[in-house]
């Protein structure tokens, strides 16, 4: 006689192992990123940190953005952790960038930070670092962060983002730890509760994960598993009823 629990565990394991993480939106072509950030065509390529024969073009990526009202002298800052499955010895130099009013600046890259092994042995990371920018003019500007694959889409890279702040003099004008609302996004972006690869949020309980491919994202439970849960529960309930009736 078959053991229902054994069957359930076997089917559950099969569903998890065969379900694609493509349930998350995929990374998008670089041209789509540039349109999203209001950049000129080719702008993201201008900050490519490669050198010589390693100057590979970016091919795909993801990003987030939000609008801020700046006054001259405001400082916008955030915390970030650059993560990658690319190894520096391969010279595949995936990189992250900041977008400010349609202008782009380099944030970090595979060859740019001392990287250490994450709790996931296949992932290297910079650890949480801080970025800040001094507003040189007054107005409402889009401010965003993105990350791209270069050369190919085989290796994955990602950013954890948290604790976005706008400081005006000694006063905190704005703060976002992704506790209430998420910024506009494109590509593979997910607000995460709690830690990711051993990294806790630097503020509050949420942090934003921006990846170049679904391989870096946590694997969601597919709807089929929830159907299986309910089906097995009903089956076990029926079994108990039959046992009492006998």
Protein backbone atom coordinates (compact mmCIF):
# COMPACT_ATOMS: atom_id res chain seq x y z
CA UNK A 1 0.00 0.00 0.00
CA UNK A 2 1.31 3.47 -0.92
CA UNK A 3 2.19 5.89 1.85
CA UNK A 4 0.41 9.22 1.15
CA UNK A 5 3.11 11.24 2.89
CA UNK A 6 5.85 9.65 0.78
CA UNK A 7 3.91 10.39 -2.43
CA UNK A 8 3.31 13.98 -1.33
CA UNK A 9 6.98 14.66 -0.57
CA UNK A 10 8.10 13.07 -3.84
CA UNK A 11 5.67 15.12 -5.93
CA UNK A 12 6.50 18.32 -4.03
CA UNK A 13 10.23 17.80 -4.65
CA UNK A 14 9.60 17.25 -8.36
CA UNK A 15 7.56 20.44 -8.64
CA UNK A 16 10.23 22.52 -6.94
CA UNK A 17 13.09 21.07 -8.97
CA UNK A 18 11.35 21.51 -12.34
CA UNK A 19 9.77 24.93 -11.76
CA UNK A 20 11.57 27.78 -13.50
CA UNK A 21 12.40 30.98 -11.62
CA UNK A 22 11.08 32.75 -14.72
CA UNK A 23 8.00 33.51 -12.60
CA UNK A 24 9.96 36.70 -11.95
CA UNK A 25 10.11 39.26 -14.79
CA UNK A 26 13.30 38.77 -16.81
CA UNK A 27 16.02 41.35 -17.32
CA UNK A 28 15.44 43.63 -20.32
CA UNK A 29 17.62 44.84 -23.21
CA UNK A 30 19.86 47.81 -22.44
CA UNK A 31 17.92 50.00 -24.89
CA UNK A 32 14.79 49.45 -22.76
CA UNK A 33 16.73 50.43 -19.64
CA UNK A 34 17.88 53.66 -21.27
CA UNK A 35 14.30 54.53 -22.24
CA UNK A 36 13.09 53.76 -18.71
CA UNK A 37 15.69 56.09 -17.17
CA UNK A 38 15.18 58.82 -19.80
CA UNK A 39 18.74 58.46 -21.10
CA UNK A 40 20.12 59.07 -24.56
CA UNK A 41 20.72 55.91 -26.63
CA UNK A 42 24.08 54.38 -25.75
CA UNK A 43 24.36 56.26 -22.43
CA UNK A 44 24.78 53.15 -20.29
CA UNK A 45 27.67 51.97 -22.47
CA UNK A 46 29.58 55.21 -21.78
CA UNK A 47 30.25 54.19 -18.17
CA UNK A 48 31.49 50.71 -19.09
CA UNK A 49 34.42 50.15 -16.68
CA UNK A 50 36.19 47.68 -18.96
CA UNK A 51 39.60 48.39 -20.47
CA UNK A 52 41.24 47.43 -23.75
CA UNK A 53 40.08 44.09 -25.08
CA UNK A 54 37.79 43.68 -22.05
CA UNK A 55 35.54 46.57 -23.08
CA UNK A 56 32.48 44.35 -23.62
CA UNK A 57 29.09 45.92 -24.38
CA UNK A 58 26.22 45.66 -21.87
CA UNK A 59 23.45 43.39 -23.12
CA UNK A 60 20.64 43.33 -20.53
CA UNK A 61 19.74 44.57 -17.08
CA UNK A 62 17.19 45.77 -14.54
CA UNK A 63 16.62 48.89 -12.47
CA UNK A 64 14.51 51.06 -10.17
CA UNK A 65 13.77 54.79 -10.15
CA UNK A 66 11.85 57.41 -8.20
CA UNK A 67 11.33 61.17 -8.43
CA UNK A 68 12.72 63.55 -5.82
CA UNK A 69 12.39 67.28 -5.28
CA UNK A 70 15.95 68.54 -4.75
CA UNK A 71 17.26 71.83 -3.44
CA UNK A 72 20.84 72.83 -4.17
CA UNK A 73 23.05 71.22 -1.53
CA UNK A 74 20.70 68.29 -0.80
CA UNK A 75 22.44 64.95 -0.39
CA UNK A 76 20.79 61.75 -1.60
CA UNK A 77 22.33 58.53 -0.30
CA UNK A 78 21.61 54.82 -0.18
CA UNK A 79 23.20 51.54 0.86
CA UNK A 80 24.05 48.88 -1.70
CA UNK A 81 25.60 45.43 -1.92
CA UNK A 82 27.02 44.42 -5.31
CA UNK A 83 26.66 40.66 -5.88
CA UNK A 84 27.75 38.50 -8.81
CA UNK A 85 28.28 34.98 -10.07
CA UNK A 86 30.99 36.29 -12.42
CA UNK A 87 34.58 35.69 -11.30
CA UNK A 88 37.14 38.50 -11.73
CA UNK A 89 39.60 36.14 -13.44
CA UNK A 90 37.11 35.76 -16.31
CA UNK A 91 37.11 39.54 -16.96
CA UNK A 92 33.35 39.55 -17.56
CA UNK A 93 32.86 42.91 -15.89
CA UNK A 94 29.14 43.26 -15.08
CA UNK A 95 28.47 46.67 -13.55
CA UNK A 96 25.97 48.81 -11.67
CA UNK A 97 25.17 52.45 -12.33
CA UNK A 98 23.27 55.42 -10.95
CA UNK A 99 20.90 57.52 -13.05
CA UNK A 100 20.33 61.16 -12.06
CA UNK A 101 18.00 63.20 -14.24
CA UNK A 102 18.85 61.04 -17.25
CA UNK A 103 22.60 61.28 -16.67
CA UNK A 104 24.49 58.12 -15.77
CA UNK A 105 27.43 57.41 -13.46
CA UNK A 106 29.25 54.22 -12.51
CA UNK A 107 28.35 52.73 -9.12
CA UNK A 108 30.32 49.46 -8.91
CA UNK A 109 31.53 46.54 -11.03
CA UNK A 110 32.98 43.04 -10.82
CA UNK A 111 36.58 44.29 -11.04
CA UNK A 112 35.92 47.38 -8.94
CA UNK A 113 35.31 46.09 -5.41
CA UNK A 114 37.10 43.56 -3.25
CA UNK A 115 34.60 40.70 -3.41
CA UNK A 116 34.18 37.98 -0.83
CA UNK A 117 32.29 34.69 -0.94
CA UNK A 118 28.67 34.96 0.13
CA UNK A 119 26.76 32.38 2.17
CA UNK A 120 25.91 31.04 -1.27
CA UNK A 121 29.32 29.70 -2.39
CA UNK A 122 28.50 30.52 -6.03
CA UNK A 123 28.03 34.23 -5.29
CA UNK A 124 30.65 36.91 -4.65
CA UNK A 125 29.65 40.16 -2.97
CA UNK A 126 31.02 43.52 -1.93
CA UNK A 127 29.07 43.67 1.32
CA UNK A 128 26.86 46.65 2.04
CA UNK A 129 28.49 49.98 1.08
CA UNK A 130 27.17 53.55 0.91
CA UNK A 131 26.72 55.91 -2.03
CA UNK A 132 25.93 59.65 -1.81
CA UNK A 133 25.32 62.44 -4.34
CA UNK A 134 25.27 66.21 -3.80
CA UNK A 135 22.50 68.00 -5.73
CA UNK A 136 23.98 70.82 -7.83
CA UNK A 137 20.63 72.34 -8.86
CA UNK A 138 17.06 72.76 -7.65
CA UNK A 139 14.19 70.85 -9.24
CA UNK A 140 12.38 67.55 -9.49
CA UNK A 141 14.59 64.81 -10.91
CA UNK A 142 14.35 61.06 -11.46
CA UNK A 143 16.95 59.19 -9.45
CA UNK A 144 17.54 55.54 -10.19
CA UNK A 145 19.85 52.57 -9.86
CA UNK A 146 20.46 49.75 -12.32
CA UNK A 147 22.71 46.80 -13.08
CA UNK A 148 23.73 45.20 -16.38
CA UNK A 149 25.27 42.03 -17.76
CA UNK A 150 28.12 42.62 -20.18
CA UNK A 151 29.26 40.44 -23.08
CA UNK A 152 26.59 37.78 -22.46
CA UNK A 153 23.68 36.86 -20.24
CA UNK A 154 25.24 33.68 -18.86
CA UNK A 155 26.57 34.93 -15.52
CA UNK A 156 24.22 36.79 -13.16
CA UNK A 157 24.80 39.89 -11.09
CA UNK A 158 22.61 41.74 -8.60
CA UNK A 159 22.29 44.68 -6.25
CA UNK A 160 20.72 44.83 -2.84
CA UNK A 161 19.50 48.39 -2.21
CA UNK A 162 18.26 49.87 1.07
CA UNK A 163 17.99 53.03 3.16
CA UNK A 164 17.49 55.71 0.49
CA UNK A 165 17.65 59.15 2.14
CA UNK A 166 17.58 62.81 1.11
CA UNK A 167 19.29 65.04 3.67
CA UNK A 168 18.79 68.83 3.60
CA UNK A 169 21.33 70.47 5.87
CA UNK A 170 20.92 68.77 9.24
CA UNK A 171 17.37 67.63 8.46
CA UNK A 172 16.15 64.39 6.93
CA UNK A 173 13.89 65.43 4.03
CA UNK A 174 13.04 61.95 2.78
CA UNK A 175 13.64 58.33 3.70
CA UNK A 176 12.68 55.07 2.00
CA UNK A 177 13.45 51.61 3.28
CA UNK A 178 10.81 50.00 1.01
CA UNK A 179 8.54 49.40 4.01
CA UNK A 180 5.44 51.04 2.50
CA UNK A 181 5.73 51.50 -1.27
CA UNK A 182 8.09 50.32 -4.00
CA UNK A 183 9.68 52.56 -6.64
CA UNK A 184 9.03 52.19 -10.37
CA UNK A 185 10.99 49.26 -11.74
CA UNK A 186 11.96 47.47 -14.92
CA UNK A 187 13.29 43.94 -15.37
CA UNK A 188 13.94 41.51 -12.54
CA UNK A 189 13.26 43.48 -9.35
CA UNK A 190 11.83 42.23 -6.06
CA UNK A 191 11.23 43.79 -2.62
CA UNK A 192 12.43 41.25 -0.06
CA UNK A 193 11.43 40.89 3.55
CA UNK A 194 14.31 39.98 5.85
CA UNK A 195 17.70 38.72 4.76
CA UNK A 196 19.07 37.56 1.42
CA UNK A 197 22.18 35.38 1.17
CA UNK A 198 22.88 36.23 4.80
CA UNK A 199 22.50 40.01 4.28
CA UNK A 200 19.99 41.74 6.53
CA UNK A 201 18.38 45.06 5.56
CA UNK A 202 20.39 48.09 6.71
CA UNK A 203 17.14 49.87 7.66
CA UNK A 204 13.80 48.39 8.63
CA UNK A 205 12.76 44.92 7.49
CA UNK A 206 12.79 45.21 3.69
CA UNK A 207 15.45 45.62 1.01
CA UNK A 208 15.26 45.76 -2.79
CA UNK A 209 16.87 43.09 -4.99
CA UNK A 210 17.74 44.15 -8.57
CA UNK A 211 19.15 41.36 -10.73
CA UNK A 212 20.31 40.84 -14.30
CA UNK A 213 18.67 37.41 -14.52
CA UNK A 214 16.20 35.32 -12.52
CA UNK A 215 19.01 33.02 -11.39
CA UNK A 216 19.90 35.43 -8.57
CA UNK A 217 16.32 35.73 -7.31
CA UNK A 218 14.77 33.62 -4.55
CA UNK A 219 12.66 30.81 -6.02
CA UNK A 220 8.92 31.38 -5.54
CA UNK A 221 6.61 28.48 -4.73
CA UNK A 222 4.59 27.82 -7.91
CA UNK A 223 0.76 27.80 -7.79
CA UNK A 224 0.79 24.04 -8.43
CA UNK A 225 2.34 23.48 -4.99
CA UNK A 226 -0.48 25.38 -3.26
CA UNK A 227 -3.00 23.25 -5.19
CA UNK A 228 -1.09 20.19 -4.04
CA UNK A 229 -1.23 21.37 -0.44
CA UNK A 230 -5.01 21.76 -0.59
CA UNK A 231 -5.46 18.46 -2.43
CA UNK A 232 -3.39 16.49 0.07
CA UNK A 233 -5.18 18.17 2.98
CA UNK A 234 -8.54 17.14 1.51
CA UNK A 235 -7.26 13.61 0.90
CA UNK A 236 -6.02 13.30 4.48
CA UNK A 237 -9.32 14.64 5.77
CA UNK A 238 -11.21 12.06 3.70
CA UNK A 239 -8.92 9.32 5.04
CA UNK A 240 -9.59 10.32 8.64
CA UNK A 241 -13.35 10.36 7.98
CA UNK A 242 -13.21 6.89 6.49
CA UNK A 243 -11.21 5.64 9.48
CA UNK A 244 -13.77 7.00 11.96
CA UNK A 245 -16.65 5.54 9.94
CA UNK A 246 -15.11 2.08 10.04
